Amino acid sequence: MPVALLVNTYLPAYRAQLNLPLAELIATLAEERNGGGADLLNLYESAVASSQIEGSKVTLDLFKRTMEAAGSGPRPRDVQEVADLVSAYRFAQVNPLNIANLLEAHRIASALLVNANDRGAWRTKGVKVGNAITTVYMAPHQSLVPSLMDQLMEETGTLLDQKLTIEEAFYFAALLHLVFVKVHPFIDGNGRTGRLLEKWFLESHIGPIAWSIRSERYLIRNLDDYYDTLAAVGPDWGSLQWDRCLPFMLLLPQALTMKR
């Protein structure tokens, strides 16, 4: 039997360190949103911020102005990359979370990021996170990716069928995000997809209001914390120390404290 990936081992410590009234914060957010989920502007903000984490220079104002001016016509490549991610978010909003739809969301989001054969497909090459000089993280061998993703999405499906508390929903959404980016299943687009996946899971348990949580915006404003907490878990798949996961997982609920 493979070792479980989405474990509740760290849930007691997570609860002890959370120190946030999640239900109240979500209720306040829902009141601001009149009980609904994210509108198009929310999705724009999510996609712009998520793209900025990956180095995009497109601002929310530039993106809005370009989208309004271009309509359905051609857009600059950097703007189109963000527009593709918006389309992936919109796809996730109306489709259940499963392995086929996860692959489709990546296919949509990565239209300009990777070659056609790599869109919506598990990677067939080794990948590392870093640059030509420094390797920050070495992902598992490509031969392990299909079985790891089968296991991860099977465990995700089991959790989707359960009734979780709000704290459990946030805990497992963040853990899913973390495990996903550590598997690094795609040749590119893992960060964008992982941040989308986190909300997709959360939406299944707390409803459409999940799409209004400004998690991507929180991360771009706290980018050093995002990178540092990811790195703290370990430099390669074979030596990950999952007991160091909590600082990363506590970032998601902090996004609820952001003011509009």
Protein backbone atom coordinates (compact mmCIF):
# COMPACT_ATOMS: atom_id res chain seq x y z
CA MET A 1 0.00 0.00 0.00
CA PRO A 2 1.38 3.44 -0.88
CA VAL A 3 1.81 5.91 1.94
CA ALA A 4 -1.18 8.26 2.11
CA LEU A 5 -0.59 11.77 0.82
CA LEU A 6 -3.55 13.72 2.21
CA VAL A 7 -3.22 12.81 5.87
CA ASN A 8 -4.88 14.38 8.91
CA THR A 9 -1.74 13.89 11.01
CA TYR A 10 -1.10 17.61 11.38
CA LEU A 11 -4.72 18.66 11.84
CA PRO A 12 -4.59 19.07 15.66
CA ALA A 13 -1.52 21.31 15.41
CA TYR A 14 -3.13 23.19 12.52
CA ARG A 15 -6.21 23.90 14.62
CA ALA A 16 -4.07 25.02 17.54
CA GLN A 17 -2.09 27.47 15.41
CA LEU A 18 -4.96 28.71 13.24
CA ASN A 19 -6.24 31.36 15.64
CA LEU A 20 -8.77 32.71 13.12
CA PRO A 21 -12.60 32.61 13.22
CA LEU A 22 -12.97 31.02 9.78
CA ALA A 23 -16.76 30.77 9.86
CA GLU A 24 -17.10 34.46 10.76
CA LEU A 25 -14.61 35.56 8.13
CA ILE A 26 -16.34 33.51 5.44
CA ALA A 27 -19.73 34.89 6.49
CA THR A 28 -18.36 38.43 6.22
CA LEU A 29 -16.96 37.71 2.78
CA ALA A 30 -20.27 36.19 1.69
CA GLU A 31 -22.10 39.28 2.93
CA GLU A 32 -19.77 41.47 0.89
CA ARG A 33 -20.44 39.27 -2.13
CA ASN A 34 -24.21 39.16 -1.48
CA GLY A 35 -23.94 35.43 -0.88
CA GLY A 36 -22.55 34.66 -4.31
CA GLY A 37 -19.26 33.46 -5.66
CA ALA A 38 -16.65 35.39 -7.59
CA ASP A 39 -17.65 37.75 -10.34
CA LEU A 40 -15.48 38.28 -13.40
CA LEU A 41 -13.41 40.96 -11.68
CA ASN A 42 -12.58 38.52 -8.86
CA LEU A 43 -11.42 35.97 -11.41
CA TYR A 44 -9.36 38.62 -13.17
CA GLU A 45 -7.66 39.47 -9.87
CA SER A 46 -7.01 35.80 -9.08
CA ALA A 47 -5.53 35.08 -12.51
CA VAL A 48 -3.43 38.26 -12.60
CA ALA A 49 -1.99 37.66 -9.12
CA SER A 50 -1.33 33.98 -9.81
CA SER A 51 0.46 34.93 -13.04
CA GLN A 52 2.48 37.62 -11.26
CA ILE A 53 3.75 34.98 -8.85
CA GLU A 54 5.24 33.28 -11.92
CA GLY A 55 6.86 36.50 -13.11
CA SER A 56 4.15 38.15 -15.20
CA LYS A 57 4.31 41.95 -15.36
CA VAL A 58 0.63 42.30 -16.29
CA THR A 59 -1.25 44.37 -13.72
CA LEU A 60 -4.94 44.11 -12.97
CA ASP A 61 -5.58 47.56 -14.45
CA LEU A 62 -3.66 46.75 -17.64
CA PHE A 63 -5.44 43.42 -17.97
CA LYS A 64 -8.89 44.96 -17.56
CA ARG A 65 -8.17 47.76 -20.03
CA THR A 66 -6.71 45.39 -22.61
CA MET A 67 -9.58 42.93 -22.33
CA GLU A 68 -12.13 45.72 -22.73
CA ALA A 69 -10.30 47.20 -25.72
CA ALA A 70 -9.48 43.95 -27.50
CA GLY A 71 -12.81 42.21 -26.98
CA SER A 72 -12.53 38.82 -28.64
CA GLY A 73 -9.72 40.02 -30.91
CA PRO A 74 -5.98 39.33 -30.65
CA ARG A 75 -4.24 40.31 -27.41
CA PRO A 76 -0.59 40.67 -26.44
CA ARG A 77 0.91 37.33 -25.47
CA ASP A 78 1.41 38.20 -21.80
CA VAL A 79 -2.20 39.34 -21.51
CA GLN A 80 -3.44 36.23 -23.32
CA GLU A 81 -1.59 34.02 -20.84
CA VAL A 82 -3.61 35.61 -18.04
CA ALA A 83 -6.81 35.36 -20.10
CA ASP A 84 -6.18 31.63 -20.54
CA LEU A 85 -5.89 31.26 -16.78
CA VAL A 86 -9.17 33.14 -16.33
CA SER A 87 -10.74 30.62 -18.71
CA ALA A 88 -9.34 27.77 -16.61
CA TYR A 89 -10.88 29.27 -13.46
CA ARG A 90 -14.21 29.62 -15.24
CA PHE A 91 -14.00 26.00 -16.36
CA ALA A 92 -13.33 24.88 -12.78
CA GLN A 93 -16.31 26.86 -11.51
CA VAL A 94 -18.77 24.82 -13.55
CA ASN A 95 -17.14 21.38 -13.56
CA PRO A 96 -16.52 18.85 -10.76
CA LEU A 97 -13.01 18.31 -9.51
CA ASN A 98 -11.64 15.05 -10.85
CA ILE A 99 -8.52 13.92 -12.67
CA ALA A 100 -9.94 14.41 -16.17
CA ASN A 101 -11.12 17.93 -15.41
CA LEU A 102 -7.84 18.80 -13.71
CA LEU A 103 -6.02 17.85 -16.90
CA GLU A 104 -8.49 19.90 -18.93
CA ALA A 105 -8.01 22.93 -16.69
CA HIS A 106 -4.26 22.67 -17.23
CA ARG A 107 -4.77 22.32 -20.98
CA ILE A 108 -6.76 25.56 -20.99
CA ALA A 109 -4.38 27.46 -18.71
CA SER A 110 -1.19 26.36 -20.49
CA ALA A 111 -2.18 27.16 -24.08
CA LEU A 112 0.78 29.52 -24.45
CA LEU A 113 3.03 28.04 -21.76
CA VAL A 114 3.94 24.64 -23.19
CA ASN A 115 3.97 22.68 -26.43
CA ALA A 116 0.69 21.14 -27.57
CA ASN A 117 1.75 17.64 -26.49
CA ASP A 118 2.39 18.83 -22.93
CA ARG A 119 -0.94 20.60 -22.42
CA GLY A 120 -3.23 18.65 -20.14
CA ALA A 121 -0.69 15.82 -19.93
CA TRP A 122 1.57 14.53 -17.19
CA ARG A 123 5.18 15.39 -17.77
CA THR A 124 7.49 12.86 -19.39
CA LYS A 125 10.69 14.65 -18.42
CA GLY A 126 12.46 15.47 -15.19
CA VAL A 127 11.90 18.95 -13.80
CA LYS A 128 13.47 21.11 -11.15
CA VAL A 129 12.46 24.40 -9.58
CA GLY A 130 15.12 27.07 -9.70
CA ASN A 131 17.43 28.54 -12.30
CA ALA A 132 20.56 27.60 -14.21
CA ILE A 133 22.69 28.14 -11.11
CA THR A 134 20.53 27.11 -8.16
CA THR A 135 18.10 24.22 -7.78
CA VAL A 136 15.48 24.96 -5.13
CA TYR A 137 13.53 21.74 -5.53
CA MET A 138 13.89 18.50 -7.49
CA ALA A 139 10.56 16.91 -8.40
CA PRO A 140 10.01 13.13 -8.42
CA HIS A 141 11.10 11.17 -11.48
CA GLN A 142 8.65 11.44 -14.34
CA SER A 143 7.94 7.70 -14.20
CA LEU A 144 6.35 8.20 -10.77
CA VAL A 145 4.01 11.00 -11.79
CA PRO A 146 1.05 8.98 -13.18
CA SER A 147 0.77 6.76 -10.11
CA LEU A 148 1.29 9.65 -7.69
CA MET A 149 -1.41 11.70 -9.39
CA ASP A 150 -3.78 8.74 -9.52
CA GLN A 151 -3.29 8.31 -5.78
CA LEU A 152 -3.56 12.03 -5.03
CA MET A 153 -6.78 12.44 -6.99
CA GLU A 154 -8.25 9.24 -5.55
CA GLU A 155 -7.62 10.57 -2.04
CA THR A 156 -9.04 13.93 -3.12
CA GLY A 157 -12.18 12.20 -4.37
CA THR A 158 -12.60 10.46 -1.03
CA LEU A 159 -12.37 13.80 0.78
CA LEU A 160 -14.83 15.39 -1.64
CA ASP A 161 -17.36 12.73 -0.67
CA GLN A 162 -16.99 13.52 3.03
CA LYS A 163 -18.61 16.29 5.04
CA LEU A 164 -15.69 18.30 6.37
CA THR A 165 -15.69 21.05 8.94
CA ILE A 166 -14.54 24.47 7.75
CA GLU A 167 -11.18 23.96 9.45
CA GLU A 168 -10.77 20.55 7.81
CA ALA A 169 -11.71 21.96 4.40
CA PHE A 170 -9.04 24.66 4.64
CA TYR A 171 -6.50 22.18 6.00
CA PHE A 172 -6.97 19.67 3.19
CA ALA A 173 -7.24 22.34 0.47
CA ALA A 174 -3.84 23.71 1.46
CA LEU A 175 -2.33 20.24 1.86
CA LEU A 176 -3.63 19.29 -1.60
CA HIS A 177 -2.00 22.43 -3.00
CA LEU A 178 1.28 21.56 -1.28
CA VAL A 179 1.40 17.91 -2.35
CA PHE A 180 0.43 18.84 -5.90
CA VAL A 181 3.24 21.35 -6.36
CA LYS A 182 5.71 18.93 -4.79
CA VAL A 183 4.69 16.22 -7.28
CA HIS A 184 5.03 18.91 -9.98
CA PRO A 185 3.09 16.78 -12.47
CA PHE A 186 3.29 19.10 -15.48
CA ILE A 187 6.24 20.34 -17.49
CA ASP A 188 5.09 23.90 -16.67
CA GLY A 189 2.07 25.61 -15.16
CA ASN A 190 2.22 23.73 -11.86
CA GLY A 191 2.05 26.81 -9.64
CA ARG A 192 -0.90 28.32 -11.47
CA THR A 193 -2.74 25.01 -11.49
CA GLY A 194 -1.95 24.30 -7.83
CA ARG A 195 -3.42 27.60 -6.70
CA LEU A 196 -6.51 26.96 -8.80
CA LEU A 197 -6.78 23.41 -7.44
CA GLU A 198 -6.76 24.71 -3.86
CA LYS A 199 -9.86 26.83 -4.48
CA TRP A 200 -11.54 24.13 -6.56
CA PHE A 201 -11.34 21.73 -3.63
CA LEU A 202 -12.43 24.37 -1.15
CA GLU A 203 -15.47 25.28 -3.27
CA SER A 204 -16.73 21.71 -2.94
CA HIS A 205 -16.98 22.16 0.83
CA ILE A 206 -17.79 25.82 1.49
CA GLY A 207 -19.56 26.69 -1.74
CA PRO A 208 -18.95 29.30 -4.47
CA ILE A 209 -17.70 31.85 -1.96
CA ALA A 210 -14.36 29.99 -2.16
CA TRP A 211 -13.70 31.67 -5.51
CA SER A 212 -13.85 35.09 -3.84
CA ILE A 213 -11.06 34.32 -1.36
CA ARG A 214 -8.09 36.47 -2.35
CA SER A 215 -5.53 33.73 -1.82
CA GLU A 216 -3.49 34.49 -4.94
CA ARG A 217 -3.41 38.17 -4.04
CA TYR A 218 -2.33 37.32 -0.50
CA LEU A 219 0.51 35.16 -1.82
CA ILE A 220 1.87 37.78 -4.21
CA ARG A 221 1.89 40.26 -1.32
CA ASN A 222 3.67 37.71 0.88
CA LEU A 223 5.82 36.10 -1.78
CA ASP A 224 8.85 35.47 0.42
CA ASP A 225 6.68 33.60 2.92
CA TYR A 226 5.17 31.55 0.09
CA TYR A 227 8.56 30.53 -1.29
CA ASP A 228 10.16 30.04 2.12
CA THR A 229 7.40 27.81 3.46
CA LEU A 230 7.43 25.74 0.28
CA ALA A 231 11.20 25.34 0.49
CA ALA A 232 11.09 24.46 4.19
CA VAL A 233 9.40 21.14 3.45
CA GLY A 234 12.49 19.91 1.64
CA PRO A 235 14.68 20.16 -1.48
CA ASP A 236 13.57 17.00 -3.28
CA TRP A 237 10.69 14.53 -3.33
CA GLY A 238 12.67 11.77 -1.67
CA SER A 239 13.54 13.79 1.43
CA LEU A 240 10.43 15.87 2.09
CA GLN A 241 9.67 16.55 5.74
CA TRP A 242 5.91 16.84 5.82
CA ASP A 243 5.92 17.77 9.50
CA ARG A 244 7.15 21.18 8.34
CA CYS A 245 4.01 21.78 6.28
CA LEU A 246 2.00 23.95 8.67
CA PRO A 247 3.53 27.37 7.93
CA PHE A 248 2.62 26.87 4.26
CA MET A 249 -0.85 25.58 5.05
CA LEU A 250 -1.64 28.51 7.33
CA LEU A 251 -1.21 30.98 4.45
CA LEU A 252 -4.59 30.14 2.89
CA PRO A 253 -6.77 31.12 5.87
CA GLN A 254 -4.76 34.32 6.28
CA ALA A 255 -6.09 35.38 2.88
CA LEU A 256 -9.51 35.79 4.51
CA THR A 257 -8.15 38.71 6.50
CA MET A 258 -7.33 40.78 3.42
CA LYS A 259 -9.42 43.90 2.98
CA ARG A 260 -10.79 44.86 -0.39
